[in-house]
Amino acid sequence: MADFRYFTTCEGEQVELAHVGHQPNSVFNPITGWWQDTLRPYAFMGTCPKCGEKHLAQRKIEYKRAPSLHKCNAKCMGGKVNGTCECQCGGKNHGMGSIGNPGAFRKAA
């Protein structure tokens, strides 16, 4: 069994979102297993611990309940943005190599 963690970039820093839920007016896509709307492929939204505002999740990471806690490597950094992680970063670095502009700041509308 695993739990999911949601991350975004706020002020140039990767943060884990708290109190995450699907965005209002989004629909569940049974094929992908994600809540989505026509404008955003991943419509999960949560509270940023850094600034306290709501942000859209850039990454949804499945984190194993009994992780190996190995050091992050290229497999983690180059992993899928919706992949599975068991590194000591807790999913914070997982898929960062796949994001075109990691400094991009996405604020909820």
PDB file of N, CA and C in Angstrom:
ATOM      1  N   MET A   1       0.843  -1.181   0.000  1.00  0.00           N
ATOM      2  CA  MET A   1       0.000   0.000   0.000  1.00  0.00           C
ATOM      3  C   MET A   1       0.890   1.247   0.000  1.00  0.00           C
ATOM      4  N   ALA A   2       0.366   2.329  -0.533  1.00  0.00           N
ATOM      5  CA  ALA A   2       1.144   3.559  -0.653  1.00  0.00           C
ATOM      6  C   ALA A   2       0.260   4.754  -0.380  1.00  0.00           C
ATOM      7  N   ASP A   3       0.908   5.895  -0.253  1.00  0.00           N
ATOM      8  CA  ASP A   3       0.139   7.129  -0.147  1.00  0.00           C
ATOM      9  C   ASP A   3       0.623   8.075  -1.243  1.00  0.00           C
ATOM     10  N   PHE A   4      -0.197   9.055  -1.562  1.00  0.00           N
ATOM     11  CA  PHE A   4       0.145   9.991  -2.622  1.00  0.00           C
ATOM     12  C   PHE A   4       0.549  11.328  -2.022  1.00  0.00           C
ATOM     13  N   ARG A   5       1.546  11.931  -2.636  1.00  0.00           N
ATOM     14  CA  ARG A   5       2.029  13.248  -2.234  1.00  0.00           C
ATOM     15  C   ARG A   5       1.972  14.152  -3.450  1.00  0.00           C
ATOM     16  N   TYR A   6       1.630  15.411  -3.219  1.00  0.00           N
ATOM     17  CA  TYR A   6       1.444  16.368  -4.303  1.00  0.00           C
ATOM     18  C   TYR A   6       2.428  17.516  -4.120  1.00  0.00           C
ATOM     19  N   PHE A   7       3.133  17.865  -5.210  1.00  0.00           N
ATOM     20  CA  PHE A   7       4.177  18.881  -5.150  1.00  0.00           C
ATOM     21  C   PHE A   7       3.950  19.949  -6.202  1.00  0.00           C
ATOM     22  N   THR A   8       4.469  21.142  -5.916  1.00  0.00           N
ATOM     23  CA  THR A   8       4.461  22.243  -6.875  1.00  0.00           C
ATOM     24  C   THR A   8       5.668  23.122  -6.581  1.00  0.00           C
ATOM     25  N   THR A   9       5.869  24.126  -7.405  1.00  0.00           N
ATOM     26  CA  THR A   9       6.963  25.069  -7.223  1.00  0.00           C
ATOM     27  C   THR A   9       6.390  26.390  -6.726  1.00  0.00           C
ATOM     28  N   CYS A  10       6.914  26.881  -5.620  1.00  0.00           N
ATOM     29  CA  CYS A  10       6.495  28.171  -5.078  1.00  0.00           C
ATOM     30  C   CYS A  10       7.748  28.992  -4.807  1.00  0.00           C
ATOM     31  N   GLU A  11       7.835  30.143  -5.438  1.00  0.00           N
ATOM     32  CA  GLU A  11       8.973  31.045  -5.289  1.00  0.00           C
ATOM     33  C   GLU A  11      10.290  30.321  -5.554  1.00  0.00           C
ATOM     34  N   GLY A  12      10.300  29.469  -6.598  1.00  0.00           N
ATOM     35  CA  GLY A  12      11.504  28.775  -7.017  1.00  0.00           C
ATOM     36  C   GLY A  12      11.887  27.569  -6.175  1.00  0.00           C
ATOM     37  N   GLU A  13      11.057  27.166  -5.241  1.00  0.00           N
ATOM     38  CA  GLU A  13      11.365  26.048  -4.356  1.00  0.00           C
ATOM     39  C   GLU A  13      10.271  24.992  -4.453  1.00  0.00           C
ATOM     40  N   GLN A  14      10.650  23.714  -4.454  1.00  0.00           N
ATOM     41  CA  GLN A  14       9.692  22.621  -4.473  1.00  0.00           C
ATOM     42  C   GLN A  14       9.060  22.476  -3.098  1.00  0.00           C
ATOM     43  N   VAL A  15       7.737  22.446  -3.056  1.00  0.00           N
ATOM     44  CA  VAL A  15       7.014  22.301  -1.790  1.00  0.00           C
ATOM     45  C   VAL A  15       5.958  21.214  -1.928  1.00  0.00           C
ATOM     46  N   GLU A  16       5.700  20.519  -0.819  1.00  0.00           N
ATOM     47  CA  GLU A  16       4.642  19.521  -0.783  1.00  0.00           C
ATOM     48  C   GLU A  16       3.355  20.212  -0.346  1.00  0.00           C
ATOM     49  N   LEU A  17       2.305  20.051  -1.120  1.00  0.00           N
ATOM     50  CA  LEU A  17       1.036  20.694  -0.821  1.00  0.00           C
ATOM     51  C   LEU A  17       0.294  19.950   0.290  1.00  0.00           C
ATOM     52  N   ALA A  18      -0.430  20.703   1.096  1.00  0.00           N
ATOM     53  CA  ALA A  18      -1.238  20.139   2.177  1.00  0.00           C
ATOM     54  C   ALA A  18      -2.716  20.297   1.824  1.00  0.00           C
ATOM     55  N   HIS A  19      -3.562  19.512   2.454  1.00  0.00           N
ATOM     56  CA  HIS A  19      -5.014  19.599   2.271  1.00  0.00           C
ATOM     57  C   HIS A  19      -5.391  19.560   0.786  1.00  0.00           C
ATOM     58  N   VAL A  20      -4.906  18.540   0.092  1.00  0.00           N
ATOM     59  CA  VAL A  20      -5.093  18.430  -1.352  1.00  0.00           C
ATOM     60  C   VAL A  20      -6.450  17.820  -1.686  1.00  0.00           C
ATOM     61  N   GLY A  21      -7.087  18.388  -2.688  1.00  0.00           N
ATOM     62  CA  GLY A  21      -8.355  17.869  -3.205  1.00  0.00           C
ATOM     63  C   GLY A  21      -8.430  18.200  -4.681  1.00  0.00           C
ATOM     64  N   HIS A  22      -9.418  17.647  -5.369  1.00  0.00           N
ATOM     65  CA  HIS A  22      -9.538  17.973  -6.784  1.00  0.00           C
ATOM     66  C   HIS A  22     -10.133  19.363  -6.928  1.00  0.00           C
ATOM     67  N   GLN A  23      -9.773  19.991  -8.015  1.00  0.00           N
ATOM     68  CA  GLN A  23     -10.203  21.360  -8.277  1.00  0.00           C
ATOM     69  C   GLN A  23     -11.694  21.384  -8.590  1.00  0.00           C
ATOM     70  N   PRO A  24     -12.411  22.386  -8.101  1.00  0.00           N
ATOM     71  CA  PRO A  24     -13.834  22.503  -8.448  1.00  0.00           C
ATOM     72  C   PRO A  24     -14.015  22.561  -9.961  1.00  0.00           C
ATOM     73  N   ASN A  25     -15.130  22.049 -10.427  1.00  0.00           N
ATOM     74  CA  ASN A  25     -15.490  22.014 -11.846  1.00  0.00           C
ATOM     75  C   ASN A  25     -14.628  21.063 -12.667  1.00  0.00           C
ATOM     76  N   SER A  26     -13.871  20.176 -12.015  1.00  0.00           N
ATOM     77  CA  SER A  26     -13.103  19.187 -12.752  1.00  0.00           C
ATOM     78  C   SER A  26     -13.882  17.877 -12.769  1.00  0.00           C
ATOM     79  N   VAL A  27     -13.525  17.007 -13.686  1.00  0.00           N
ATOM     80  CA  VAL A  27     -14.202  15.721 -13.806  1.00  0.00           C
ATOM     81  C   VAL A  27     -13.189  14.600 -13.683  1.00  0.00           C
ATOM     82  N   PHE A  28     -13.632  13.441 -13.227  1.00  0.00           N
ATOM     83  CA  PHE A  28     -12.747  12.301 -13.070  1.00  0.00           C
ATOM     84  C   PHE A  28     -12.651  11.549 -14.388  1.00  0.00           C
ATOM     85  N   ASN A  29     -11.429  11.312 -14.849  1.00  0.00           N
ATOM     86  CA  ASN A  29     -11.191  10.555 -16.070  1.00  0.00           C
ATOM     87  C   ASN A  29     -10.839   9.128 -15.663  1.00  0.00           C
ATOM     88  N   PRO A  30     -11.720   8.154 -15.880  1.00  0.00           N
ATOM     89  CA  PRO A  30     -11.456   6.785 -15.439  1.00  0.00           C
ATOM     90  C   PRO A  30     -10.302   6.116 -16.170  1.00  0.00           C
ATOM     91  N   ILE A  31      -9.937   6.604 -17.339  1.00  0.00           N
ATOM     92  CA  ILE A  31      -8.825   6.019 -18.095  1.00  0.00           C
ATOM     93  C   ILE A  31      -7.491   6.381 -17.450  1.00  0.00           C
ATOM     94  N   THR A  32      -7.305   7.655 -17.096  1.00  0.00           N
ATOM     95  CA  THR A  32      -6.043   8.089 -16.490  1.00  0.00           C
ATOM     96  C   THR A  32      -6.062   7.977 -14.975  1.00  0.00           C
ATOM     97  N   GLY A  33      -7.251   7.966 -14.382  1.00  0.00           N
ATOM     98  CA  GLY A  33      -7.347   7.925 -12.931  1.00  0.00           C
ATOM     99  C   GLY A  33      -7.090   9.278 -12.281  1.00  0.00           C
ATOM    100  N   TRP A  34      -7.208  10.353 -13.052  1.00  0.00           N
ATOM    101  CA  TRP A  34      -6.950  11.711 -12.551  1.00  0.00           C
ATOM    102  C   TRP A  34      -8.215  12.541 -12.674  1.00  0.00           C
ATOM    103  N   TRP A  35      -8.340  13.514 -11.778  1.00  0.00           N
ATOM    104  CA  TRP A  35      -9.352  14.558 -11.948  1.00  0.00           C
ATOM    105  C   TRP A  35      -8.769  15.539 -12.936  1.00  0.00           C
ATOM    106  N   GLN A  36      -9.534  15.942 -13.927  1.00  0.00           N
ATOM    107  CA  GLN A  36      -9.001  16.882 -14.906  1.00  0.00           C
ATOM    108  C   GLN A  36     -10.110  17.736 -15.500  1.00  0.00           C
ATOM    109  N   ASP A  37      -9.683  18.817 -16.103  1.00  0.00           N
ATOM    110  CA  ASP A  37     -10.608  19.648 -16.868  1.00  0.00           C
ATOM    111  C   ASP A  37      -9.976  19.895 -18.226  1.00  0.00           C
ATOM    112  N   THR A  38     -10.609  20.670 -19.060  1.00  0.00           N
ATOM    113  CA  THR A  38     -10.103  20.858 -20.417  1.00  0.00           C
ATOM    114  C   THR A  38      -8.844  21.713 -20.469  1.00  0.00           C
ATOM    115  N   LEU A  39      -8.605  22.533 -19.460  1.00  0.00           N
ATOM    116  CA  LEU A  39      -7.443  23.417 -19.475  1.00  0.00           C
ATOM    117  C   LEU A  39      -6.225  22.839 -18.765  1.00  0.00           C
ATOM    118  N   ARG A  40      -6.453  22.003 -17.757  1.00  0.00           N
ATOM    119  CA  ARG A  40      -5.344  21.479 -16.965  1.00  0.00           C
ATOM    120  C   ARG A  40      -5.436  19.963 -16.913  1.00  0.00           C
ATOM    121  N   PRO A  41      -4.361  19.262 -17.294  1.00  0.00           N
ATOM    122  CA  PRO A  41      -4.429  17.806 -17.267  1.00  0.00           C
ATOM    123  C   PRO A  41      -4.516  17.245 -15.847  1.00  0.00           C
ATOM    124  N   TYR A  42      -3.930  17.903 -14.872  1.00  0.00           N
ATOM    125  CA  TYR A  42      -3.962  17.429 -13.490  1.00  0.00           C
ATOM    126  C   TYR A  42      -4.599  18.509 -12.632  1.00  0.00           C
ATOM    127  N   ALA A  43      -5.813  18.281 -12.207  1.00  0.00           N
ATOM    128  CA  ALA A  43      -6.563  19.327 -11.528  1.00  0.00           C
ATOM    129  C   ALA A  43      -6.613  19.116 -10.016  1.00  0.00           C
ATOM    130  N   PHE A  44      -5.479  18.760  -9.424  1.00  0.00           N
ATOM    131  CA  PHE A  44      -5.408  18.668  -7.970  1.00  0.00           C
ATOM    132  C   PHE A  44      -4.893  19.994  -7.428  1.00  0.00           C
ATOM    133  N   MET A  45      -5.447  20.428  -6.325  1.00  0.00           N
ATOM    134  CA  MET A  45      -5.114  21.716  -5.745  1.00  0.00           C
ATOM    135  C   MET A  45      -4.912  21.541  -4.251  1.00  0.00           C
ATOM    136  N   GLY A  46      -3.923  22.249  -3.700  1.00  0.00           N
ATOM    137  CA  GLY A  46      -3.672  22.162  -2.271  1.00  0.00           C
ATOM    138  C   GLY A  46      -3.100  23.453  -1.730  1.00  0.00           C
ATOM    139  N   THR A  47      -2.930  23.493  -0.414  1.00  0.00           N
ATOM    140  CA  THR A  47      -2.419  24.688   0.265  1.00  0.00           C
ATOM    141  C   THR A  47      -0.900  24.611   0.352  1.00  0.00           C
ATOM    142  N   CYS A  48      -0.259  25.703  -0.002  1.00  0.00           N
ATOM    143  CA  CYS A  48       1.198  25.800   0.032  1.00  0.00           C
ATOM    144  C   CYS A  48       1.659  26.122   1.454  1.00  0.00           C
ATOM    145  N   PRO A  49       2.596  25.341   2.014  1.00  0.00           N
ATOM    146  CA  PRO A  49       3.089  25.629   3.350  1.00  0.00           C
ATOM    147  C   PRO A  49       4.002  26.856   3.391  1.00  0.00           C
ATOM    148  N   LYS A  50       4.505  27.263   2.229  1.00  0.00           N
ATOM    149  CA  LYS A  50       5.429  28.390   2.169  1.00  0.00           C
ATOM    150  C   LYS A  50       4.709  29.738   2.190  1.00  0.00           C
ATOM    151  N   CYS A  51       3.659  29.869   1.353  1.00  0.00           N
ATOM    152  CA  CYS A  51       2.966  31.156   1.253  1.00  0.00           C
ATOM    153  C   CYS A  51       1.531  31.115   1.775  1.00  0.00           C
ATOM    154  N   GLY A  52       0.995  29.901   1.989  1.00  0.00           N
ATOM    155  CA  GLY A  52      -0.352  29.768   2.517  1.00  0.00           C
ATOM    156  C   GLY A  52      -1.469  29.871   1.491  1.00  0.00           C
ATOM    157  N   GLU A  53      -1.117  30.053   0.204  1.00  0.00           N
ATOM    158  CA  GLU A  53      -2.133  30.163  -0.836  1.00  0.00           C
ATOM    159  C   GLU A  53      -2.385  28.811  -1.491  1.00  0.00           C
ATOM    160  N   LYS A  54      -3.482  28.724  -2.260  1.00  0.00           N
ATOM    161  CA  LYS A  54      -3.813  27.506  -2.991  1.00  0.00           C
ATOM    162  C   LYS A  54      -3.032  27.468  -4.300  1.00  0.00           C
ATOM    163  N   HIS A  55      -2.495  26.285  -4.618  1.00  0.00           N
ATOM    164  CA  HIS A  55      -1.755  26.082  -5.866  1.00  0.00           C
ATOM    165  C   HIS A  55      -2.211  24.793  -6.524  1.00  0.00           C
ATOM    166  N   LEU A  56      -2.029  24.730  -7.838  1.00  0.00           N
ATOM    167  CA  LEU A  56      -2.265  23.490  -8.564  1.00  0.00           C
ATOM    168  C   LEU A  56      -1.051  22.589  -8.398  1.00  0.00           C
ATOM    169  N   ALA A  57      -1.285  21.305  -8.282  1.00  0.00           N
ATOM    170  CA  ALA A  57      -0.185  20.349  -8.162  1.00  0.00           C
ATOM    171  C   ALA A  57       0.472  20.157  -9.521  1.00  0.00           C
ATOM    172  N   GLN A  58       1.804  20.219  -9.542  1.00  0.00           N
ATOM    173  CA  GLN A  58       2.544  19.941 -10.764  1.00  0.00           C
ATOM    174  C   GLN A  58       2.836  18.448 -10.872  1.00  0.00           C
ATOM    175  N   ARG A  59       2.976  17.808  -9.715  1.00  0.00           N
ATOM    176  CA  ARG A  59       3.327  16.389  -9.699  1.00  0.00           C
ATOM    177  C   ARG A  59       2.534  15.656  -8.625  1.00  0.00           C
ATOM    178  N   LYS A  60       2.111  14.447  -8.954  1.00  0.00           N
ATOM    179  CA  LYS A  60       1.441  13.556  -8.013  1.00  0.00           C
ATOM    180  C   LYS A  60       2.327  12.321  -7.907  1.00  0.00           C
ATOM    181  N   ILE A  61       2.931  12.112  -6.762  1.00  0.00           N
ATOM    182  CA  ILE A  61       3.886  11.026  -6.585  1.00  0.00           C
ATOM    183  C   ILE A  61       3.328   9.986  -5.621  1.00  0.00           C
ATOM    184  N   GLU A  62       3.380   8.733  -6.036  1.00  0.00           N
ATOM    185  CA  GLU A  62       3.002   7.636  -5.152  1.00  0.00           C
ATOM    186  C   GLU A  62       4.232   7.290  -4.324  1.00  0.00           C
ATOM    187  N   TYR A  63       4.103   7.391  -3.011  1.00  0.00           N
ATOM    188  CA  TYR A  63       5.236   7.116  -2.119  1.00  0.00           C
ATOM    189  C   TYR A  63       4.951   5.836  -1.352  1.00  0.00           C
ATOM    190  N   LYS A  64       5.866   4.883  -1.441  1.00  0.00           N
ATOM    191  CA  LYS A  64       5.664   3.576  -0.825  1.00  0.00           C
ATOM    192  C   LYS A  64       5.619   3.684   0.700  1.00  0.00           C
ATOM    193  N   ARG A  65       4.814   2.837   1.317  1.00  0.00           N
ATOM    194  CA  ARG A  65       4.681   2.842   2.780  1.00  0.00           C
ATOM    195  C   ARG A  65       5.939   2.333   3.470  1.00  0.00           C
ATOM    196  N   ALA A  66       6.659   1.436   2.822  1.00  0.00           N
ATOM    197  CA  ALA A  66       7.908   0.913   3.380  1.00  0.00           C
ATOM    198  C   ALA A  66       9.032   1.189   2.379  1.00  0.00           C
ATOM    199  N   PRO A  67       9.428   2.469   2.213  1.00  0.00           N
ATOM    200  CA  PRO A  67      10.423   2.825   1.200  1.00  0.00           C
ATOM    201  C   PRO A  67      11.828   2.358   1.593  1.00  0.00           C
ATOM    202  N   SER A  68      12.682   2.188   0.584  1.00  0.00           N
ATOM    203  CA  SER A  68      14.072   1.796   0.838  1.00  0.00           C
ATOM    204  C   SER A  68      14.899   2.979   1.342  1.00  0.00           C
ATOM    205  N   LEU A  69      14.439   4.208   1.087  1.00  0.00           N
ATOM    206  CA  LEU A  69      15.095   5.451   1.514  1.00  0.00           C
ATOM    207  C   LEU A  69      16.515   5.598   0.958  1.00  0.00           C
ATOM    208  N   HIS A  70      16.699   5.139  -0.291  1.00  0.00           N
ATOM    209  CA  HIS A  70      18.005   5.319  -0.926  1.00  0.00           C
ATOM    210  C   HIS A  70      18.175   6.779  -1.366  1.00  0.00           C
ATOM    211  N   LYS A  71      19.406   7.152  -1.696  1.00  0.00           N
ATOM    212  CA  LYS A  71      19.667   8.516  -2.159  1.00  0.00           C
ATOM    213  C   LYS A  71      19.080   8.702  -3.542  1.00  0.00           C
ATOM    214  N   CYS A  72      18.621   9.917  -3.831  1.00  0.00           N
ATOM    215  CA  CYS A  72      18.055  10.231  -5.141  1.00  0.00           C
ATOM    216  C   CYS A  72      19.126  10.044  -6.216  1.00  0.00           C
ATOM    217  N   ASN A  73      18.694   9.557  -7.365  1.00  0.00           N
ATOM    218  CA  ASN A  73      19.618   9.357  -8.477  1.00  0.00           C
ATOM    219  C   ASN A  73      18.903   9.755  -9.777  1.00  0.00           C
ATOM    220  N   ALA A  74      19.517   9.422 -10.900  1.00  0.00           N
ATOM    221  CA  ALA A  74      18.942   9.798 -12.191  1.00  0.00           C
ATOM    222  C   ALA A  74      17.592   9.131 -12.426  1.00  0.00           C
ATOM    223  N   LYS A  75      17.398   7.939 -11.899  1.00  0.00           N
ATOM    224  CA  LYS A  75      16.113   7.246 -12.058  1.00  0.00           C
ATOM    225  C   LYS A  75      14.995   8.029 -11.372  1.00  0.00           C
ATOM    226  N   CYS A  76      15.302   8.601 -10.231  1.00  0.00           N
ATOM    227  CA  CYS A  76      14.320   9.407  -9.497  1.00  0.00           C
ATOM    228  C   CYS A  76      14.095  10.742 -10.200  1.00  0.00           C
ATOM    229  N   MET A  77      15.163  11.466 -10.467  1.00  0.00           N
ATOM    230  CA  MET A  77      15.054  12.792 -11.065  1.00  0.00           C
ATOM    231  C   MET A  77      14.442  12.738 -12.469  1.00  0.00           C
ATOM    232  N   GLY A  78      14.719  11.670 -13.219  1.00  0.00           N
ATOM    233  CA  GLY A  78      14.196  11.524 -14.565  1.00  0.00           C
ATOM    234  C   GLY A  78      12.917  10.715 -14.618  1.00  0.00           C
ATOM    235  N   GLY A  79      12.361  10.386 -13.472  1.00  0.00           N
ATOM    236  CA  GLY A  79      11.143   9.579 -13.413  1.00  0.00           C
ATOM    237  C   GLY A  79       9.922  10.333 -13.896  1.00  0.00           C
ATOM    238  N   LYS A  80       8.808   9.621 -13.952  1.00  0.00           N
ATOM    239  CA  LYS A  80       7.552  10.229 -14.375  1.00  0.00           C
ATOM    240  C   LYS A  80       7.041  11.184 -13.307  1.00  0.00           C
ATOM    241  N   VAL A  81       6.368  12.238 -13.731  1.00  0.00           N
ATOM    242  CA  VAL A  81       5.822  13.209 -12.786  1.00  0.00           C
ATOM    243  C   VAL A  81       4.639  12.653 -12.011  1.00  0.00           C
ATOM    244  N   ASN A  82       4.170  11.475 -12.403  1.00  0.00           N
ATOM    245  CA  ASN A  82       3.118  10.809 -11.647  1.00  0.00           C
ATOM    246  C   ASN A  82       3.561   9.392 -11.283  1.00  0.00           C
ATOM    247  N   GLY A  83       4.873   9.227 -11.074  1.00  0.00           N
ATOM    248  CA  GLY A  83       5.443   7.913 -10.818  1.00  0.00           C
ATOM    249  C   GLY A  83       5.454   7.514  -9.353  1.00  0.00           C
ATOM    250  N   THR A  84       6.204   6.431  -9.086  1.00  0.00           N
ATOM    251  CA  THR A  84       6.332   5.887  -7.747  1.00  0.00           C
ATOM    252  C   THR A  84       7.737   6.173  -7.239  1.00  0.00           C
ATOM    253  N   CYS A  85       7.844   6.583  -5.987  1.00  0.00           N
ATOM    254  CA  CYS A  85       9.133   6.940  -5.404  1.00  0.00           C
ATOM    255  C   CYS A  85       9.312   6.245  -4.063  1.00  0.00           C
ATOM    256  N   GLU A  86      10.556   5.936  -3.734  1.00  0.00           N
ATOM    257  CA  GLU A  86      10.880   5.433  -2.412  1.00  0.00           C
ATOM    258  C   GLU A  86      12.225   5.979  -1.936  1.00  0.00           C
ATOM    259  N   CYS A  87      12.633   7.108  -2.497  1.00  0.00           N
ATOM    260  CA  CYS A  87      13.888   7.755  -2.120  1.00  0.00           C
ATOM    261  C   CYS A  87      13.757   8.479  -0.782  1.00  0.00           C
ATOM    262  N   GLN A  88      14.877   8.906  -0.251  1.00  0.00           N
ATOM    263  CA  GLN A  88      14.865   9.642   1.011  1.00  0.00           C
ATOM    264  C   GLN A  88      14.290  11.047   0.863  1.00  0.00           C
ATOM    265  N   CYS A  89      14.108  11.531  -0.380  1.00  0.00           N
ATOM    266  CA  CYS A  89      13.514  12.851  -0.599  1.00  0.00           C
ATOM    267  C   CYS A  89      12.009  12.846  -0.347  1.00  0.00           C
ATOM    268  N   GLY A  90      11.412  11.674  -0.251  1.00  0.00           N
ATOM    269  CA  GLY A  90       9.967  11.593  -0.027  1.00  0.00           C
ATOM    270  C   GLY A  90       9.141  11.973  -1.243  1.00  0.00           C
ATOM    271  N   GLY A  91       9.749  11.952  -2.424  1.00  0.00           N
ATOM    272  CA  GLY A  91       9.048  12.301  -3.654  1.00  0.00           C
ATOM    273  C   GLY A  91       9.299  13.724  -4.113  1.00  0.00           C
ATOM    274  N   LYS A  92       9.977  14.512  -3.309  1.00  0.00           N
ATOM    275  CA  LYS A  92      10.201  15.930  -3.624  1.00  0.00           C
ATOM    276  C   LYS A  92      11.000  16.115  -4.918  1.00  0.00           C
ATOM    277  N   ASN A  93      11.962  15.247  -5.176  1.00  0.00           N
ATOM    278  CA  ASN A  93      12.791  15.372  -6.373  1.00  0.00           C
ATOM    279  C   ASN A  93      12.314  14.513  -7.534  1.00  0.00           C
ATOM    280  N   HIS A  94      11.349  13.635  -7.302  1.00  0.00           N
ATOM    281  CA  HIS A  94      10.932  12.682  -8.317  1.00  0.00           C
ATOM    282  C   HIS A  94      10.299  13.385  -9.513  1.00  0.00           C
ATOM    283  N   GLY A  95      10.841  13.137 -10.688  1.00  0.00           N
ATOM    284  CA  GLY A  95      10.305  13.702 -11.923  1.00  0.00           C
ATOM    285  C   GLY A  95      10.729  15.127 -12.209  1.00  0.00           C
ATOM    286  N   MET A  96      11.613  15.692 -11.428  1.00  0.00           N
ATOM    287  CA  MET A  96      12.011  17.086 -11.646  1.00  0.00           C
ATOM    288  C   MET A  96      12.711  17.280 -12.986  1.00  0.00           C
ATOM    289  N   GLY A  97      13.390  16.258 -13.483  1.00  0.00           N
ATOM    290  CA  GLY A  97      14.045  16.357 -14.782  1.00  0.00           C
ATOM    291  C   GLY A  97      13.052  16.371 -15.932  1.00  0.00           C
ATOM    292  N   SER A  98      11.821  15.961 -15.677  1.00  0.00           N
ATOM    293  CA  SER A  98      10.796  15.908 -16.720  1.00  0.00           C
ATOM    294  C   SER A  98      10.013  17.203 -16.863  1.00  0.00           C
ATOM    295  N   ILE A  99      10.134  18.092 -15.899  1.00  0.00           N
ATOM    296  CA  ILE A  99       9.393  19.359 -15.934  1.00  0.00           C
ATOM    297  C   ILE A  99      10.194  20.356 -16.745  1.00  0.00           C
ATOM    298  N   GLY A 100       9.573  20.932 -17.769  1.00  0.00           N
ATOM    299  CA  GLY A 100      10.267  21.847 -18.669  1.00  0.00           C
ATOM    300  C   GLY A 100      10.847  23.059 -17.978  1.00  0.00           C
ATOM    301  N   ASN A 101      10.102  23.685 -17.088  1.00  0.00           N
ATOM    302  CA  ASN A 101      10.552  24.875 -16.389  1.00  0.00           C
ATOM    303  C   ASN A 101      10.282  24.696 -14.905  1.00  0.00           C
ATOM    304  N   PRO A 102      11.247  24.101 -14.162  1.00  0.00           N
ATOM    305  CA  PRO A 102      11.000  23.839 -12.757  1.00  0.00           C
ATOM    306  C   PRO A 102      10.821  25.097 -11.911  1.00  0.00           C
ATOM    307  N   GLY A 103      11.192  26.249 -12.416  1.00  0.00           N
ATOM    308  CA  GLY A 103      11.021  27.483 -11.677  1.00  0.00           C
ATOM    309  C   GLY A 103       9.652  28.116 -11.894  1.00  0.00           C
ATOM    310  N   ALA A 104       8.854  27.489 -12.739  1.00  0.00           N
ATOM    311  CA  ALA A 104       7.533  28.044 -13.040  1.00  0.00           C
ATOM    312  C   ALA A 104       6.659  28.030 -11.792  1.00  0.00           C
ATOM    313  N   PHE A 105       5.927  29.094 -11.615  1.00  0.00           N
ATOM    314  CA  PHE A 105       5.063  29.234 -10.454  1.00  0.00           C
ATOM    315  C   PHE A 105       3.638  29.151 -10.927  1.00  0.00           C
ATOM    316  N   ARG A 106       2.930  28.142 -10.437  1.00  0.00           N
ATOM    317  CA  ARG A 106       1.520  27.998 -10.821  1.00  0.00           C
ATOM    318  C   ARG A 106       0.645  28.344  -9.635  1.00  0.00           C
ATOM    319  N   LYS A 107      -0.137  29.360  -9.784  1.00  0.00           N
ATOM    320  CA  LYS A 107      -1.040  29.800  -8.725  1.00  0.00           C
ATOM    321  C   LYS A 107      -2.463  29.478  -9.159  1.00  0.00           C
ATOM    322  N   ALA A 108      -3.236  28.988  -8.237  1.00  0.00           N
ATOM    323  CA  ALA A 108      -4.633  28.648  -8.540  1.00  0.00           C
ATOM    324  C   ALA A 108      -5.422  29.887  -8.900  1.00  0.00           C
ATOM    325  N   ALA A 109      -6.310  29.739  -9.863  1.00  0.00           N
ATOM    326  CA  ALA A 109      -7.121  30.880 -10.289  1.00  0.00           C
ATOM    327  C   ALA A 109      -8.221  31.164  -9.307  1.00  0.00           C
TER     328      ALA A 109
END
